[in-house]
Amino acid sequence: MEFTRERILERGVAEIVTVYTPNTEGDSIAVVGYRCDGPEHLAEGDVMVRVQAGYFARFVPDGPVDDPIEDVWKQAEVAAQEGKIDRAFAEEIEITRAPSGVELFISLT
């Protein structure tokens, strides 16, 4: 994933979007990319993923973990364990912005 993120950053894209989609084995498939207004705006060789509308819990770094990406995922895990959210385990979206901005959207039932 790091290679793909670096390749996108080299294009001058400042906001990287990673969409995690569950597969039949219970794991997730990650698609790393950028926001795109439509198929006509895709770079050659890129693919487009659409996330259906739904309810999502939003997490942003709040400091307990040094790595902002690790921080938001840990917050989501704790919120689920404590019953504060009911994860749907559908599409989940991680948005990273240079240099350290992160938002995580966890799908809810």
N, C-alpha and C. Protein backbone atom coordinates (compact mmCIF):
# COMPACT_ATOMS: atom_id res chain seq x y z
N MET A 1 0.83 -1.19 0.00
CA MET A 1 0.00 0.00 0.00
C MET A 1 0.87 1.25 0.00
N GLU A 2 2.01 1.18 0.67
CA GLU A 2 2.88 2.36 0.72
C GLU A 2 3.35 2.76 -0.68
N PHE A 3 3.69 1.76 -1.52
CA PHE A 3 4.12 2.05 -2.89
C PHE A 3 3.03 2.82 -3.63
N THR A 4 1.79 2.36 -3.52
CA THR A 4 0.68 3.01 -4.21
C THR A 4 0.45 4.40 -3.67
N ARG A 5 0.52 4.57 -2.37
CA ARG A 5 0.36 5.91 -1.79
C ARG A 5 1.45 6.86 -2.27
N GLU A 6 2.68 6.39 -2.31
CA GLU A 6 3.79 7.23 -2.79
C GLU A 6 3.59 7.60 -4.26
N ARG A 7 3.12 6.65 -5.06
CA ARG A 7 2.88 6.92 -6.48
C ARG A 7 1.82 8.01 -6.65
N ILE A 8 0.78 7.96 -5.85
CA ILE A 8 -0.28 8.98 -5.93
C ILE A 8 0.25 10.33 -5.46
N LEU A 9 1.04 10.35 -4.39
CA LEU A 9 1.63 11.60 -3.91
C LEU A 9 2.52 12.24 -4.96
N GLU A 10 3.23 11.42 -5.74
CA GLU A 10 4.10 11.93 -6.80
C GLU A 10 3.31 12.67 -7.87
N ARG A 11 2.04 12.39 -8.01
CA ARG A 11 1.17 13.09 -8.97
C ARG A 11 0.75 14.46 -8.46
N GLY A 12 1.08 14.76 -7.21
CA GLY A 12 0.67 16.03 -6.62
C GLY A 12 -0.66 15.97 -5.90
N VAL A 13 -1.19 14.77 -5.70
CA VAL A 13 -2.45 14.60 -4.99
C VAL A 13 -2.17 14.71 -3.49
N ALA A 14 -2.85 15.63 -2.82
CA ALA A 14 -2.59 15.86 -1.40
C ALA A 14 -3.53 15.07 -0.50
N GLU A 15 -4.59 14.49 -1.05
CA GLU A 15 -5.57 13.76 -0.25
C GLU A 15 -5.69 12.34 -0.80
N ILE A 16 -5.28 11.37 -0.01
CA ILE A 16 -5.34 9.98 -0.42
C ILE A 16 -6.51 9.31 0.28
N VAL A 17 -7.31 8.60 -0.50
CA VAL A 17 -8.49 7.92 0.02
C VAL A 17 -8.26 6.42 -0.10
N THR A 18 -8.39 5.71 1.02
CA THR A 18 -8.29 4.26 1.01
C THR A 18 -9.65 3.70 1.41
N VAL A 19 -10.19 2.85 0.54
CA VAL A 19 -11.49 2.22 0.81
C VAL A 19 -11.23 0.75 1.12
N TYR A 20 -11.69 0.33 2.28
CA TYR A 20 -11.57 -1.07 2.70
C TYR A 20 -12.92 -1.73 2.47
N THR A 21 -12.92 -2.82 1.72
CA THR A 21 -14.15 -3.54 1.40
C THR A 21 -14.00 -4.99 1.85
N PRO A 22 -14.95 -5.52 2.61
CA PRO A 22 -14.83 -6.91 3.06
C PRO A 22 -14.95 -7.89 1.89
N ASN A 23 -14.24 -9.01 2.00
CA ASN A 23 -14.38 -10.06 0.99
C ASN A 23 -15.01 -11.29 1.63
N THR A 24 -15.20 -12.34 0.86
CA THR A 24 -15.91 -13.53 1.35
C THR A 24 -15.14 -14.30 2.40
N GLU A 25 -13.81 -14.13 2.49
CA GLU A 25 -13.02 -14.85 3.49
C GLU A 25 -13.01 -14.14 4.85
N GLY A 26 -13.67 -12.98 4.93
CA GLY A 26 -13.71 -12.26 6.19
C GLY A 26 -12.61 -11.22 6.33
N ASP A 27 -11.73 -11.14 5.34
CA ASP A 27 -10.69 -10.11 5.33
C ASP A 27 -11.23 -8.89 4.60
N SER A 28 -10.35 -7.91 4.40
CA SER A 28 -10.73 -6.74 3.62
C SER A 28 -9.78 -6.56 2.45
N ILE A 29 -10.30 -6.00 1.40
CA ILE A 29 -9.52 -5.59 0.25
C ILE A 29 -9.39 -4.08 0.33
N ALA A 30 -8.20 -3.56 0.13
CA ALA A 30 -8.00 -2.11 0.19
C ALA A 30 -7.76 -1.57 -1.21
N VAL A 31 -8.45 -0.49 -1.53
CA VAL A 31 -8.22 0.24 -2.77
C VAL A 31 -7.72 1.62 -2.37
N VAL A 32 -6.49 1.93 -2.79
CA VAL A 32 -5.87 3.21 -2.45
C VAL A 32 -6.00 4.13 -3.65
N GLY A 33 -6.48 5.34 -3.42
CA GLY A 33 -6.67 6.25 -4.54
C GLY A 33 -6.85 7.69 -4.13
N TYR A 34 -7.65 8.40 -4.90
CA TYR A 34 -7.87 9.83 -4.73
C TYR A 34 -9.32 10.11 -5.11
N ARG A 35 -9.82 11.25 -4.67
CA ARG A 35 -11.19 11.62 -5.04
C ARG A 35 -11.22 11.91 -6.54
N CYS A 36 -12.30 11.48 -7.16
CA CYS A 36 -12.43 11.62 -8.61
C CYS A 36 -13.87 12.03 -8.92
N ASP A 37 -14.03 13.03 -9.77
CA ASP A 37 -15.37 13.52 -10.10
C ASP A 37 -16.14 12.59 -11.02
N GLY A 38 -15.45 11.70 -11.71
CA GLY A 38 -16.12 10.77 -12.61
C GLY A 38 -15.13 10.02 -13.46
N PRO A 39 -15.59 9.02 -14.19
CA PRO A 39 -14.68 8.18 -14.98
C PRO A 39 -13.83 8.96 -15.97
N GLU A 40 -14.36 10.05 -16.49
CA GLU A 40 -13.61 10.84 -17.47
C GLU A 40 -12.39 11.54 -16.86
N HIS A 41 -12.31 11.57 -15.53
CA HIS A 41 -11.18 12.22 -14.84
C HIS A 41 -10.15 11.22 -14.32
N LEU A 42 -10.34 9.94 -14.57
CA LEU A 42 -9.40 8.93 -14.10
C LEU A 42 -8.13 8.96 -14.93
N ALA A 43 -6.99 8.75 -14.25
CA ALA A 43 -5.72 8.60 -14.95
C ALA A 43 -5.71 7.21 -15.58
N GLU A 44 -5.02 7.06 -16.71
CA GLU A 44 -4.94 5.78 -17.39
C GLU A 44 -4.39 4.71 -16.45
N GLY A 45 -5.05 3.57 -16.39
CA GLY A 45 -4.63 2.46 -15.54
C GLY A 45 -5.27 2.47 -14.16
N ASP A 46 -5.93 3.56 -13.79
CA ASP A 46 -6.59 3.63 -12.49
C ASP A 46 -7.99 3.04 -12.58
N VAL A 47 -8.54 2.67 -11.44
CA VAL A 47 -9.90 2.15 -11.37
C VAL A 47 -10.70 3.03 -10.42
N MET A 48 -12.02 2.92 -10.49
CA MET A 48 -12.87 3.76 -9.65
C MET A 48 -13.69 2.87 -8.72
N VAL A 49 -13.82 3.28 -7.48
CA VAL A 49 -14.64 2.59 -6.49
C VAL A 49 -15.70 3.57 -6.01
N ARG A 50 -16.92 3.11 -5.96
CA ARG A 50 -18.01 3.94 -5.43
C ARG A 50 -18.45 3.33 -4.09
N VAL A 51 -18.59 4.19 -3.12
CA VAL A 51 -19.07 3.77 -1.81
C VAL A 51 -20.52 4.20 -1.70
N GLN A 52 -21.37 3.24 -1.40
CA GLN A 52 -22.80 3.54 -1.29
C GLN A 52 -23.07 4.42 -0.08
N ALA A 53 -24.12 5.18 -0.17
CA ALA A 53 -24.53 6.02 0.95
C ALA A 53 -24.87 5.13 2.14
N GLY A 54 -24.67 5.64 3.32
CA GLY A 54 -24.98 4.89 4.52
C GLY A 54 -24.67 5.72 5.75
N TYR A 55 -24.63 5.06 6.88
CA TYR A 55 -24.31 5.72 8.13
C TYR A 55 -22.88 5.35 8.52
N PHE A 56 -22.13 6.37 8.89
CA PHE A 56 -20.72 6.16 9.23
C PHE A 56 -20.39 6.90 10.52
N ALA A 57 -19.51 6.30 11.32
CA ALA A 57 -18.95 6.99 12.49
C ALA A 57 -17.63 7.61 12.01
N ARG A 58 -17.38 8.85 12.39
CA ARG A 58 -16.19 9.56 11.96
C ARG A 58 -15.20 9.64 13.12
N PHE A 59 -13.94 9.31 12.82
CA PHE A 59 -12.88 9.37 13.82
C PHE A 59 -11.74 10.24 13.29
N VAL A 60 -11.19 11.07 14.16
CA VAL A 60 -10.01 11.87 13.84
C VAL A 60 -9.00 11.66 14.96
N PRO A 61 -7.71 11.83 14.69
CA PRO A 61 -6.71 11.61 15.74
C PRO A 61 -6.96 12.49 16.95
N ASP A 62 -6.81 11.89 18.14
CA ASP A 62 -6.98 12.69 19.35
C ASP A 62 -5.79 12.58 20.30
N GLY A 63 -4.70 11.95 19.84
CA GLY A 63 -3.48 12.01 20.61
C GLY A 63 -3.00 10.82 21.39
N PRO A 64 -3.83 9.81 21.72
CA PRO A 64 -3.30 8.74 22.57
C PRO A 64 -2.24 7.86 21.89
N VAL A 65 -2.22 7.87 20.55
CA VAL A 65 -1.25 7.07 19.80
C VAL A 65 -0.48 8.02 18.89
N ASP A 66 0.83 7.84 18.76
CA ASP A 66 1.67 8.75 17.96
C ASP A 66 1.32 8.75 16.48
N ASP A 67 1.06 7.59 15.90
CA ASP A 67 0.74 7.49 14.48
C ASP A 67 -0.75 7.83 14.29
N PRO A 68 -1.07 8.90 13.53
CA PRO A 68 -2.48 9.30 13.41
C PRO A 68 -3.37 8.24 12.78
N ILE A 69 -2.85 7.45 11.84
CA ILE A 69 -3.66 6.39 11.23
C ILE A 69 -3.93 5.29 12.23
N GLU A 70 -2.91 4.89 12.96
CA GLU A 70 -3.09 3.87 14.01
C GLU A 70 -4.06 4.38 15.08
N ASP A 71 -3.98 5.67 15.37
CA ASP A 71 -4.84 6.28 16.38
C ASP A 71 -6.31 6.14 16.03
N VAL A 72 -6.69 6.51 14.79
CA VAL A 72 -8.11 6.47 14.44
C VAL A 72 -8.65 5.05 14.39
N TRP A 73 -7.83 4.10 13.92
CA TRP A 73 -8.28 2.70 13.90
C TRP A 73 -8.44 2.16 15.32
N LYS A 74 -7.55 2.55 16.22
CA LYS A 74 -7.65 2.12 17.62
C LYS A 74 -8.92 2.69 18.26
N GLN A 75 -9.22 3.96 17.96
CA GLN A 75 -10.44 4.57 18.48
C GLN A 75 -11.68 3.80 18.01
N ALA A 76 -11.71 3.43 16.73
CA ALA A 76 -12.85 2.68 16.19
C ALA A 76 -12.98 1.33 16.87
N GLU A 77 -11.85 0.66 17.08
CA GLU A 77 -11.85 -0.64 17.75
C GLU A 77 -12.39 -0.53 19.17
N VAL A 78 -11.93 0.47 19.91
CA VAL A 78 -12.38 0.68 21.29
C VAL A 78 -13.87 1.03 21.31
N ALA A 79 -14.31 1.91 20.40
CA ALA A 79 -15.72 2.30 20.36
C ALA A 79 -16.61 1.08 20.11
N ALA A 80 -16.18 0.19 19.25
CA ALA A 80 -16.95 -1.03 18.97
C ALA A 80 -16.97 -1.95 20.18
N GLN A 81 -15.80 -2.13 20.83
CA GLN A 81 -15.72 -3.00 22.01
C GLN A 81 -16.59 -2.48 23.15
N GLU A 82 -16.66 -1.16 23.28
CA GLU A 82 -17.45 -0.55 24.35
C GLU A 82 -18.93 -0.42 23.99
N GLY A 83 -19.32 -0.85 22.79
CA GLY A 83 -20.72 -0.78 22.37
C GLY A 83 -21.17 0.61 21.96
N LYS A 84 -20.24 1.53 21.74
CA LYS A 84 -20.61 2.89 21.33
C LYS A 84 -21.00 2.94 19.86
N ILE A 85 -20.47 2.02 19.06
CA ILE A 85 -20.85 1.92 17.66
C ILE A 85 -21.14 0.45 17.34
N ASP A 86 -21.97 0.23 16.34
CA ASP A 86 -22.27 -1.12 15.87
C ASP A 86 -21.78 -1.20 14.42
N ARG A 87 -20.58 -1.74 14.24
CA ARG A 87 -19.96 -1.78 12.93
C ARG A 87 -20.72 -2.69 11.98
N ALA A 88 -20.88 -2.23 10.75
CA ALA A 88 -21.54 -3.02 9.71
C ALA A 88 -20.54 -3.90 8.97
N PHE A 89 -19.26 -3.62 9.12
CA PHE A 89 -18.21 -4.33 8.39
C PHE A 89 -18.49 -4.32 6.89
N ALA A 90 -18.89 -3.14 6.41
CA ALA A 90 -19.03 -2.89 4.98
C ALA A 90 -17.88 -1.95 4.60
N GLU A 91 -18.07 -1.14 3.57
CA GLU A 91 -17.00 -0.23 3.18
C GLU A 91 -16.62 0.70 4.32
N GLU A 92 -15.31 0.87 4.49
CA GLU A 92 -14.79 1.80 5.48
C GLU A 92 -13.75 2.67 4.77
N ILE A 93 -13.74 3.95 5.10
CA ILE A 93 -12.96 4.90 4.32
C ILE A 93 -11.96 5.61 5.22
N GLU A 94 -10.72 5.61 4.78
CA GLU A 94 -9.63 6.30 5.48
C GLU A 94 -9.13 7.39 4.54
N ILE A 95 -9.14 8.63 5.02
CA ILE A 95 -8.67 9.75 4.21
C ILE A 95 -7.46 10.34 4.90
N THR A 96 -6.34 10.42 4.17
CA THR A 96 -5.14 11.03 4.72
C THR A 96 -4.80 12.26 3.91
N ARG A 97 -4.43 13.31 4.62
CA ARG A 97 -4.03 14.57 4.00
C ARG A 97 -2.66 14.95 4.52
N ALA A 98 -1.83 15.44 3.62
CA ALA A 98 -0.48 15.85 4.01
C ALA A 98 -0.58 17.02 4.99
N PRO A 99 0.25 17.12 6.01
CA PRO A 99 1.26 16.14 6.37
C PRO A 99 0.74 15.06 7.32
N SER A 100 -0.26 15.36 8.17
CA SER A 100 -0.67 14.33 9.13
C SER A 100 -2.17 14.32 9.42
N GLY A 101 -2.97 14.89 8.54
CA GLY A 101 -4.41 14.88 8.74
C GLY A 101 -5.00 13.54 8.36
N VAL A 102 -5.88 13.01 9.21
CA VAL A 102 -6.50 11.71 8.95
C VAL A 102 -7.96 11.77 9.40
N GLU A 103 -8.83 11.16 8.60
CA GLU A 103 -10.22 10.93 8.99
C GLU A 103 -10.52 9.48 8.66
N LEU A 104 -11.25 8.83 9.54
CA LEU A 104 -11.67 7.45 9.32
C LEU A 104 -13.19 7.40 9.44
N PHE A 105 -13.83 6.79 8.43
CA PHE A 105 -15.27 6.63 8.44
C PHE A 105 -15.57 5.14 8.51
N ILE A 106 -16.20 4.71 9.61
CA ILE A 106 -16.54 3.31 9.85
C ILE A 106 -18.03 3.13 9.56
N SER A 107 -18.35 2.15 8.70
CA SER A 107 -19.75 1.90 8.36
C SER A 107 -20.50 1.32 9.56
N LEU A 108 -21.73 1.79 9.72
CA LEU A 108 -22.55 1.37 10.86
C LEU A 108 -23.79 0.64 10.37
N THR A 109 -24.33 -0.21 11.25
CA THR A 109 -25.57 -0.91 10.90
C THR A 109 -26.76 -0.05 11.22
